[in-house]
């Protein structure tokens, strides 16, 4: 996990690098002993002791004797990250709701708040103002200070400064979310597409944990994707990547707001699922989920209602596997409510019909188990990325 220093590297740079790697290990994987840290990080015990002692003196970690002891002799001390040593703000902006959370080192959610977006409340000025005010109230209640912020937005985002070019389902265009929140909160703010952020969460703490190559695909009103390639998020030019919902899959299909016809999200997004289930478009999410549970109990009804939907979902996933070659596909948001039998059939078809999947021995298809918190978790990790070496 550690890189070999090149000639001319200063000792303080090596120490700082090792400190950051150690802290990231504790932040993502949780408490472990000094001996385990030495083994995992490939560092000698004296180096680990010096790093841990320094972090403990600063209040970033705490040590205690493990409850479970094995063998004779003095046990290796357990090292625990201290949540209040570094707190970030996580913001999840959705089409109909905004959620915020203050998250401590180690990923612990210390407090949270959420509110619905209706009418004028969905205007970007109103959303940003409400986020700022709610964050200040929540931080005061908890008695904490934030050192960074991460924001999830369902749109096209410039990573350099958090500028939202388009968030069509929010009806936002050219909104400087990063600059405005950063100026008001006085901390570094990082903004990214919601599916990319969810992919990071799944990779670090969810279904894709331990997977070097995975694609997270989610359905809300739109369809988005986040790509993990060789263990890192694929971010593209200036951060623009993952608009897989707008690959054209049915040239004879419906017009899409992006200017194309037959985009994947017009065939498998929430509105398409409502149509397949004979529900009015924009039906409440609870109604859609209830209908999915109803049809899941009747295989014949399931095939009749969702046969075409299943085929479009399969075709899109086959394309994704052939392009990115992941070992794992993770379905999120509304896709997690799809009947298990349908997901299993789609997974089998993707493995059979994708040339790349056959070549790599099969691509697994799973549904997310992180629930509605996945983007809050991802937003927190986005915020922690640049600050762990500053703690």
Protein backbone atom coordinates (compact mmCIF):
# COMPACT_ATOMS: atom_id res chain seq x y z
CA UNK A 1 0.00 0.00 0.00
CA UNK A 2 2.96 2.27 0.41
CA UNK A 3 5.09 3.50 -2.43
CA UNK A 4 8.87 3.34 -2.47
CA UNK A 5 10.32 6.84 -1.98
CA UNK A 6 12.31 8.10 -4.93
CA UNK A 7 15.84 9.45 -4.63
CA UNK A 8 15.89 12.85 -3.00
CA UNK A 9 12.62 12.40 -1.05
CA UNK A 10 12.87 14.24 2.27
CA UNK A 11 12.29 12.26 5.49
CA UNK A 12 9.42 14.57 6.49
CA UNK A 13 7.67 13.83 3.18
CA UNK A 14 8.01 10.10 3.80
CA UNK A 15 6.59 10.48 7.33
CA UNK A 16 3.69 12.54 6.06
CA UNK A 17 2.93 10.00 3.34
CA UNK A 18 3.02 7.10 5.81
CA UNK A 19 0.87 9.04 8.27
CA UNK A 20 -1.79 9.69 5.63
CA UNK A 21 -1.80 6.06 4.48
CA UNK A 22 -2.16 4.85 8.07
CA UNK A 23 -4.94 7.31 8.82
CA UNK A 24 -6.81 6.38 5.63
CA UNK A 25 -6.56 2.71 6.60
CA UNK A 26 -8.15 3.45 9.98
CA UNK A 27 -10.75 5.76 8.46
CA UNK A 28 -11.96 3.26 5.87
CA UNK A 29 -11.34 -0.13 7.47
CA UNK A 30 -11.84 0.75 11.12
CA UNK A 31 -9.88 -0.05 14.30
CA UNK A 32 -6.99 -2.49 14.23
CA UNK A 33 -3.90 -3.29 16.25
CA UNK A 34 -0.44 -1.83 15.80
CA UNK A 35 0.78 -5.25 14.67
CA UNK A 36 -1.92 -5.44 11.98
CA UNK A 37 -1.03 -1.94 10.78
CA UNK A 38 2.62 -2.90 10.47
CA UNK A 39 1.76 -6.00 8.44
CA UNK A 40 -0.81 -4.35 6.17
CA UNK A 41 1.19 -1.20 5.47
CA UNK A 42 4.55 -2.92 5.15
CA UNK A 43 6.17 -0.71 7.80
CA UNK A 44 8.30 -1.76 10.74
CA UNK A 45 6.89 -1.62 14.24
CA UNK A 46 9.02 1.30 15.35
CA UNK A 47 7.68 3.39 12.47
CA UNK A 48 4.11 2.41 13.32
CA UNK A 49 4.71 3.28 16.97
CA UNK A 50 6.04 6.73 16.09
CA UNK A 51 3.12 7.43 13.75
CA UNK A 52 0.46 6.20 16.18
CA UNK A 53 2.04 8.01 19.12
CA UNK A 54 1.98 11.25 17.15
CA UNK A 55 -1.66 10.79 16.13
CA UNK A 56 -2.65 9.86 19.69
CA UNK A 57 -0.90 12.94 21.08
CA UNK A 58 -2.90 15.06 18.61
CA UNK A 59 -6.17 13.38 19.65
CA UNK A 60 -6.74 11.88 16.20
CA UNK A 61 -6.62 8.28 17.43
CA UNK A 62 -7.00 6.51 20.75
CA UNK A 63 -5.43 3.27 21.90
CA UNK A 64 -6.74 0.58 24.20
CA UNK A 65 -6.07 -3.04 25.04
CA UNK A 66 -8.18 -5.34 22.81
CA UNK A 67 -11.09 -7.04 24.60
CA UNK A 68 -10.25 -10.37 22.99
CA UNK A 69 -6.71 -11.49 23.76
CA UNK A 70 -4.91 -14.49 22.35
CA UNK A 71 -1.56 -16.01 23.24
CA UNK A 72 0.90 -15.08 25.94
CA UNK A 73 2.80 -11.86 26.32
CA UNK A 74 1.87 -8.24 26.01
CA UNK A 75 -1.01 -7.68 23.52
CA UNK A 76 -0.68 -5.25 20.63
CA UNK A 77 -2.73 -2.14 21.36
CA UNK A 78 -5.87 -1.51 19.35
CA UNK A 79 -5.83 1.81 17.46
CA UNK A 80 -9.19 3.56 17.03
CA UNK A 81 -9.90 6.68 14.94
CA UNK A 82 -11.61 9.46 16.93
CA UNK A 83 -14.69 10.73 15.06
CA UNK A 84 -14.56 14.26 16.48
CA UNK A 85 -10.94 14.74 15.40
CA UNK A 86 -12.12 15.53 11.87
CA UNK A 87 -15.71 16.29 10.88
CA UNK A 88 -16.97 16.95 7.36
CA UNK A 89 -20.29 17.98 5.87
CA UNK A 90 -22.00 15.60 3.44
CA UNK A 91 -24.82 16.92 1.23
CA UNK A 92 -27.08 14.81 -0.98
CA UNK A 93 -29.19 16.92 -3.35
CA UNK A 94 -31.89 14.85 -5.01
CA UNK A 95 -34.78 15.73 -7.29
CA UNK A 96 -37.34 15.80 -4.49
CA UNK A 97 -35.27 15.96 -1.30
CA UNK A 98 -32.04 17.25 0.23
CA UNK A 99 -30.22 15.48 3.05
CA UNK A 100 -27.20 16.66 5.01
CA UNK A 101 -25.04 14.90 7.57
CA UNK A 102 -22.03 15.74 9.68
CA UNK A 103 -19.66 12.79 9.46
CA UNK A 104 -16.69 12.11 11.70
CA UNK A 105 -13.38 10.40 11.07
CA UNK A 106 -14.01 6.71 10.54
CA UNK A 107 -17.29 7.38 8.74
CA UNK A 108 -19.51 7.85 11.80
CA UNK A 109 -22.60 9.96 11.13
CA UNK A 110 -22.81 12.37 14.04
CA UNK A 111 -26.02 14.13 13.06
CA UNK A 112 -28.27 14.65 10.08
CA UNK A 113 -31.20 16.60 8.66
CA UNK A 114 -33.35 16.45 5.53
CA UNK A 115 -36.17 18.33 3.85
CA UNK A 116 -38.38 18.01 0.80
CA UNK A 117 -38.08 20.14 -2.32
CA UNK A 118 -41.36 21.55 -3.53
CA UNK A 119 -42.02 24.60 -5.67
CA UNK A 120 -39.67 27.48 -4.91
CA UNK A 121 -37.77 25.34 -2.40
CA UNK A 122 -36.11 23.58 -5.35
CA UNK A 123 -34.61 26.79 -6.73
CA UNK A 124 -30.80 26.65 -6.42
CA UNK A 125 -30.65 29.82 -4.32
CA UNK A 126 -33.15 28.37 -1.86
CA UNK A 127 -31.40 25.00 -1.72
CA UNK A 128 -27.95 26.50 -1.13
CA UNK A 129 -29.26 28.91 1.54
CA UNK A 130 -31.09 26.09 3.33
CA UNK A 131 -27.97 23.88 3.26
CA UNK A 132 -25.89 26.67 4.78
CA UNK A 133 -28.40 27.47 7.50
CA UNK A 134 -29.10 23.83 8.37
CA UNK A 135 -25.40 23.04 8.54
CA UNK A 136 -24.74 25.86 10.97
CA UNK A 137 -27.65 24.81 13.19
CA UNK A 138 -26.58 21.16 13.16
CA UNK A 139 -22.93 21.99 13.87
CA UNK A 140 -23.95 24.21 16.79
CA UNK A 141 -26.20 21.48 18.21
CA UNK A 142 -23.37 18.96 18.04
CA UNK A 143 -20.68 21.41 19.12
CA UNK A 144 -18.40 20.54 16.20
CA UNK A 145 -16.51 22.40 13.49
CA UNK A 146 -16.33 21.10 9.94
CA UNK A 147 -13.08 20.98 7.96
CA UNK A 148 -14.51 20.19 4.53
CA UNK A 149 -17.66 19.40 2.58
CA UNK A 150 -18.75 17.02 -0.16
CA UNK A 151 -21.87 17.53 -2.27
CA UNK A 152 -23.76 15.05 -4.45
CA UNK A 153 -25.75 16.53 -7.36
CA UNK A 154 -27.75 14.69 -10.04
CA UNK A 155 -26.14 16.50 -12.95
CA UNK A 156 -23.05 17.40 -14.94
CA UNK A 157 -20.48 18.86 -12.57
CA UNK A 158 -17.05 20.41 -13.14
CA UNK A 159 -14.81 18.86 -10.51
CA UNK A 160 -12.30 21.71 -10.36
CA UNK A 161 -14.68 24.14 -8.67
CA UNK A 162 -18.00 22.37 -8.20
CA UNK A 163 -19.73 24.24 -11.00
CA UNK A 164 -23.00 22.53 -11.98
CA UNK A 165 -23.42 22.95 -15.71
CA UNK A 166 -26.70 21.06 -15.89
CA UNK A 167 -28.94 19.20 -13.48
CA UNK A 168 -31.91 18.70 -15.81
CA UNK A 169 -34.25 16.94 -13.41
CA UNK A 170 -33.69 19.75 -10.91
CA UNK A 171 -34.03 22.32 -13.71
CA UNK A 172 -30.66 23.81 -12.72
CA UNK A 173 -28.26 25.36 -15.21
CA UNK A 174 -24.89 27.02 -14.53
CA UNK A 175 -24.95 27.02 -10.73
CA UNK A 176 -21.61 27.62 -8.88
CA UNK A 177 -22.49 25.32 -5.99
CA UNK A 178 -18.89 24.76 -4.87
CA UNK A 179 -17.90 28.42 -4.81
CA UNK A 180 -21.06 29.55 -3.04
CA UNK A 181 -20.97 26.91 -0.32
CA UNK A 182 -17.22 27.33 0.14
CA UNK A 183 -17.52 31.08 0.58
CA UNK A 184 -20.34 30.76 3.10
CA UNK A 185 -18.99 27.84 5.13
CA UNK A 186 -15.31 28.76 4.95
CA UNK A 187 -14.14 25.21 4.18
CA UNK A 188 -13.03 23.38 1.00
CA UNK A 189 -16.07 22.12 -0.89
CA UNK A 190 -16.00 19.33 -3.45
CA UNK A 191 -19.00 18.66 -5.69
CA UNK A 192 -19.55 15.65 -7.94
CA UNK A 193 -22.19 13.75 -9.88
CA UNK A 194 -24.38 11.66 -7.60
CA UNK A 195 -23.73 8.32 -9.32
CA UNK A 196 -19.95 8.85 -9.19
CA UNK A 197 -20.21 9.62 -5.50
CA UNK A 198 -22.34 6.53 -4.89
CA UNK A 199 -19.78 4.39 -6.73
CA UNK A 200 -17.09 5.67 -4.35
CA UNK A 201 -19.28 4.78 -1.36
CA UNK A 202 -19.94 1.29 -2.69
CA UNK A 203 -16.25 0.78 -3.41
CA UNK A 204 -15.08 1.85 0.04
CA UNK A 205 -17.91 0.67 2.28
CA UNK A 206 -20.49 -1.27 0.28
CA UNK A 207 -21.08 -4.08 -2.21
CA UNK A 208 -18.00 -3.23 -4.30
CA UNK A 209 -15.61 -3.22 -1.34
CA UNK A 210 -12.42 -4.97 -2.36
CA UNK A 211 -13.28 -4.81 -6.06
CA UNK A 212 -10.77 -3.04 -8.30
CA UNK A 213 -13.14 -2.61 -11.25
CA UNK A 214 -16.83 -1.96 -10.73
CA UNK A 215 -19.66 0.09 -12.19
CA UNK A 216 -22.50 1.47 -10.07
CA UNK A 217 -25.73 2.13 -11.99
CA UNK A 218 -28.67 3.91 -10.38
CA UNK A 219 -32.18 4.85 -11.40
CA UNK A 220 -34.13 7.78 -10.12
CA UNK A 221 -35.96 10.06 -12.53
CA UNK A 222 -32.78 9.73 -14.58
CA UNK A 223 -30.19 6.99 -14.87
CA UNK A 224 -26.56 7.56 -13.97
CA UNK A 225 -23.41 5.56 -13.43
CA UNK A 226 -20.13 5.76 -11.58
CA UNK A 227 -17.07 3.80 -12.65
CA UNK A 228 -14.30 2.41 -10.46
CA UNK A 229 -11.28 1.52 -12.61
CA UNK A 230 -8.23 -0.17 -11.11
CA UNK A 231 -9.34 0.86 -7.64
CA UNK A 232 -9.93 4.55 -8.39
CA UNK A 233 -12.92 6.57 -9.63
CA UNK A 234 -12.89 7.19 -13.37
CA UNK A 235 -13.44 10.94 -13.66
CA UNK A 236 -12.82 11.87 -17.28
CA UNK A 237 -11.96 15.31 -18.65
CA UNK A 238 -12.56 17.95 -15.97
CA UNK A 239 -14.67 15.42 -14.06
CA UNK A 240 -17.29 14.81 -16.73
CA UNK A 241 -17.96 11.09 -16.94
CA UNK A 242 -20.71 8.61 -16.16
CA UNK A 243 -23.63 9.87 -18.25
CA UNK A 244 -24.37 6.31 -19.32
CA UNK A 245 -28.08 6.98 -19.02
CA UNK A 246 -27.70 8.96 -22.24
CA UNK A 247 -26.21 6.27 -24.42
CA UNK A 248 -28.69 5.76 -27.25
CA UNK A 249 -30.09 2.27 -27.00
CA UNK A 250 -33.39 2.48 -28.88
CA UNK A 251 -33.23 4.80 -31.93
CA UNK A 252 -36.98 4.36 -32.37
CA UNK A 253 -37.67 5.26 -28.75
CA UNK A 254 -38.83 8.40 -26.95
CA UNK A 255 -37.28 11.81 -27.26
CA UNK A 256 -34.90 12.64 -24.41
CA UNK A 257 -34.34 16.10 -22.96
CA UNK A 258 -30.65 15.81 -23.86
CA UNK A 259 -31.55 16.12 -27.56
CA UNK A 260 -31.25 12.46 -28.50
CA UNK A 261 -33.91 9.84 -29.03
CA UNK A 262 -34.07 6.53 -27.22
CA UNK A 263 -31.55 7.17 -24.44
CA UNK A 264 -31.20 4.34 -21.95
CA UNK A 265 -32.91 6.31 -19.19
CA UNK A 266 -36.02 6.73 -21.36
CA UNK A 267 -36.29 2.92 -21.34
CA UNK A 268 -35.28 2.03 -17.76
CA UNK A 269 -35.63 5.21 -15.67
CA UNK A 270 -38.40 5.76 -13.12
CA UNK A 271 -40.89 7.07 -15.67
CA UNK A 272 -40.29 4.05 -17.90
CA UNK A 273 -40.78 1.75 -14.94
CA UNK A 274 -44.06 3.48 -14.10
CA UNK A 275 -45.27 2.96 -17.67
CA UNK A 276 -44.25 -0.70 -17.60
CA UNK A 277 -46.22 -1.19 -14.38
CA UNK A 278 -49.27 0.64 -15.79
CA UNK A 279 -48.87 3.38 -13.21
CA UNK A 280 -49.17 7.11 -13.93
CA UNK A 281 -45.82 8.77 -14.58
CA UNK A 282 -44.43 10.53 -11.50
CA UNK A 283 -46.30 8.13 -9.20
CA UNK A 284 -45.01 8.28 -5.60
CA UNK A 285 -41.95 6.11 -5.06
CA UNK A 286 -43.81 4.05 -2.45
CA UNK A 287 -46.50 3.17 -4.98
CA UNK A 288 -43.90 2.03 -7.51
CA UNK A 289 -42.12 -0.15 -4.94
CA UNK A 290 -45.43 -1.65 -3.77
CA UNK A 291 -46.37 -2.56 -7.34
CA UNK A 292 -42.97 -4.15 -7.91
CA UNK A 293 -43.50 -6.32 -4.84
CA UNK A 294 -46.92 -7.27 -6.11
CA UNK A 295 -45.76 -8.42 -9.54
CA UNK A 296 -42.74 -10.20 -8.04
CA UNK A 297 -45.12 -12.72 -6.46
CA UNK A 298 -46.50 -13.80 -9.85
CA UNK A 299 -43.86 -14.93 -12.41
CA UNK A 300 -46.28 -14.77 -15.34
CA UNK A 301 -47.39 -11.27 -14.41
CA UNK A 302 -43.79 -10.22 -13.83
CA UNK A 303 -42.78 -11.35 -17.33
CA UNK A 304 -45.80 -9.68 -18.93
CA UNK A 305 -45.29 -6.36 -17.19
CA UNK A 306 -41.53 -6.08 -17.08
CA UNK A 307 -40.32 -8.23 -19.97
CA UNK A 308 -39.48 -5.29 -22.23
CA UNK A 309 -38.04 -3.29 -19.34
CA UNK A 310 -35.84 -6.25 -18.43
CA UNK A 311 -34.52 -6.51 -21.98
CA UNK A 312 -33.60 -2.82 -22.17
CA UNK A 313 -31.88 -3.06 -18.78
CA UNK A 314 -29.95 -6.09 -19.98
CA UNK A 315 -28.88 -4.45 -23.22
CA UNK A 316 -27.59 -1.38 -21.44
CA UNK A 317 -25.63 -3.41 -18.91
CA UNK A 318 -24.13 -5.56 -21.68
CA UNK A 319 -22.88 -2.38 -23.34
CA UNK A 320 -21.38 -1.17 -20.06
CA UNK A 321 -19.58 -4.46 -19.47
CA UNK A 322 -18.22 -4.53 -23.02
CA UNK A 323 -16.90 -0.96 -22.67
CA UNK A 324 -15.50 -0.99 -19.11
CA UNK A 325 -14.88 -4.67 -18.40
CA UNK A 326 -15.80 -4.54 -14.69
CA UNK A 327 -15.79 -7.56 -12.44
CA UNK A 328 -18.87 -6.21 -10.68
CA UNK A 329 -22.04 -4.26 -11.50
CA UNK A 330 -23.97 -2.70 -8.61
CA UNK A 331 -27.58 -1.58 -9.03
CA UNK A 332 -28.70 1.32 -6.84
CA UNK A 333 -31.62 3.59 -5.95
CA UNK A 334 -34.89 2.42 -7.54
CA UNK A 335 -33.15 -0.56 -9.13
CA UNK A 336 -32.74 -2.06 -5.65
CA UNK A 337 -36.53 -2.56 -5.54
CA UNK A 338 -36.54 -4.74 -8.67
CA UNK A 339 -37.65 -8.34 -8.01
CA UNK A 340 -34.76 -10.64 -7.16
CA UNK A 341 -35.78 -13.08 -9.90
CA UNK A 342 -35.57 -10.32 -12.52
CA UNK A 343 -32.14 -9.20 -11.30
CA UNK A 344 -30.89 -12.80 -11.38
CA UNK A 345 -32.11 -13.27 -14.96
CA UNK A 346 -30.54 -9.98 -16.05
CA UNK A 347 -27.25 -10.98 -14.43
CA UNK A 348 -27.25 -14.33 -16.22
CA UNK A 349 -28.03 -12.70 -19.58
CA UNK A 350 -25.30 -10.07 -19.14
CA UNK A 351 -22.75 -12.79 -18.36
CA UNK A 352 -23.86 -14.75 -21.41
CA UNK A 353 -24.24 -11.93 -23.94
CA UNK A 354 -21.21 -9.79 -23.10
CA UNK A 355 -18.03 -10.74 -24.90
CA UNK A 356 -15.93 -9.15 -22.18
CA UNK A 357 -17.85 -10.89 -19.40
CA UNK A 358 -17.19 -14.26 -20.99
CA UNK A 359 -13.52 -13.38 -21.41
CA UNK A 360 -13.02 -12.45 -17.74
CA UNK A 361 -15.02 -15.38 -16.41
CA UNK A 362 -18.26 -13.57 -15.70
CA UNK A 363 -19.35 -10.20 -14.36
CA UNK A 364 -21.33 -10.32 -11.14
CA UNK A 365 -24.53 -8.27 -10.77
CA UNK A 366 -25.53 -7.17 -7.26
CA UNK A 367 -27.95 -4.69 -5.75
CA UNK A 368 -26.75 -2.08 -3.26
CA UNK A 369 -27.40 -2.73 0.42
CA UNK A 370 -26.48 0.79 1.56
CA UNK A 371 -30.00 2.16 1.18
CA UNK A 372 -30.71 5.86 0.83
CA UNK A 373 -27.51 6.81 2.68
CA UNK A 374 -25.20 5.75 -0.15
CA UNK A 375 -24.76 9.26 -1.58
CA UNK A 376 -24.32 10.85 1.85
CA UNK A 377 -21.59 8.31 2.56
CA UNK A 378 -20.00 9.02 -0.82
CA UNK A 379 -20.21 12.78 -0.31
CA UNK A 380 -18.45 12.42 3.04
CA UNK A 381 -15.67 10.37 1.46
CA UNK A 382 -15.33 12.99 -1.27
CA UNK A 383 -14.83 15.62 1.44
CA UNK A 384 -12.32 13.49 3.35
CA UNK A 385 -10.10 12.85 0.29
CA UNK A 386 -8.05 16.08 0.48
CA UNK A 387 -8.09 16.60 4.23
CA UNK A 388 -6.85 13.32 5.74
CA UNK A 389 -3.25 14.45 5.30
CA UNK A 390 -4.07 17.68 7.13
CA UNK A 391 -5.64 16.13 10.24
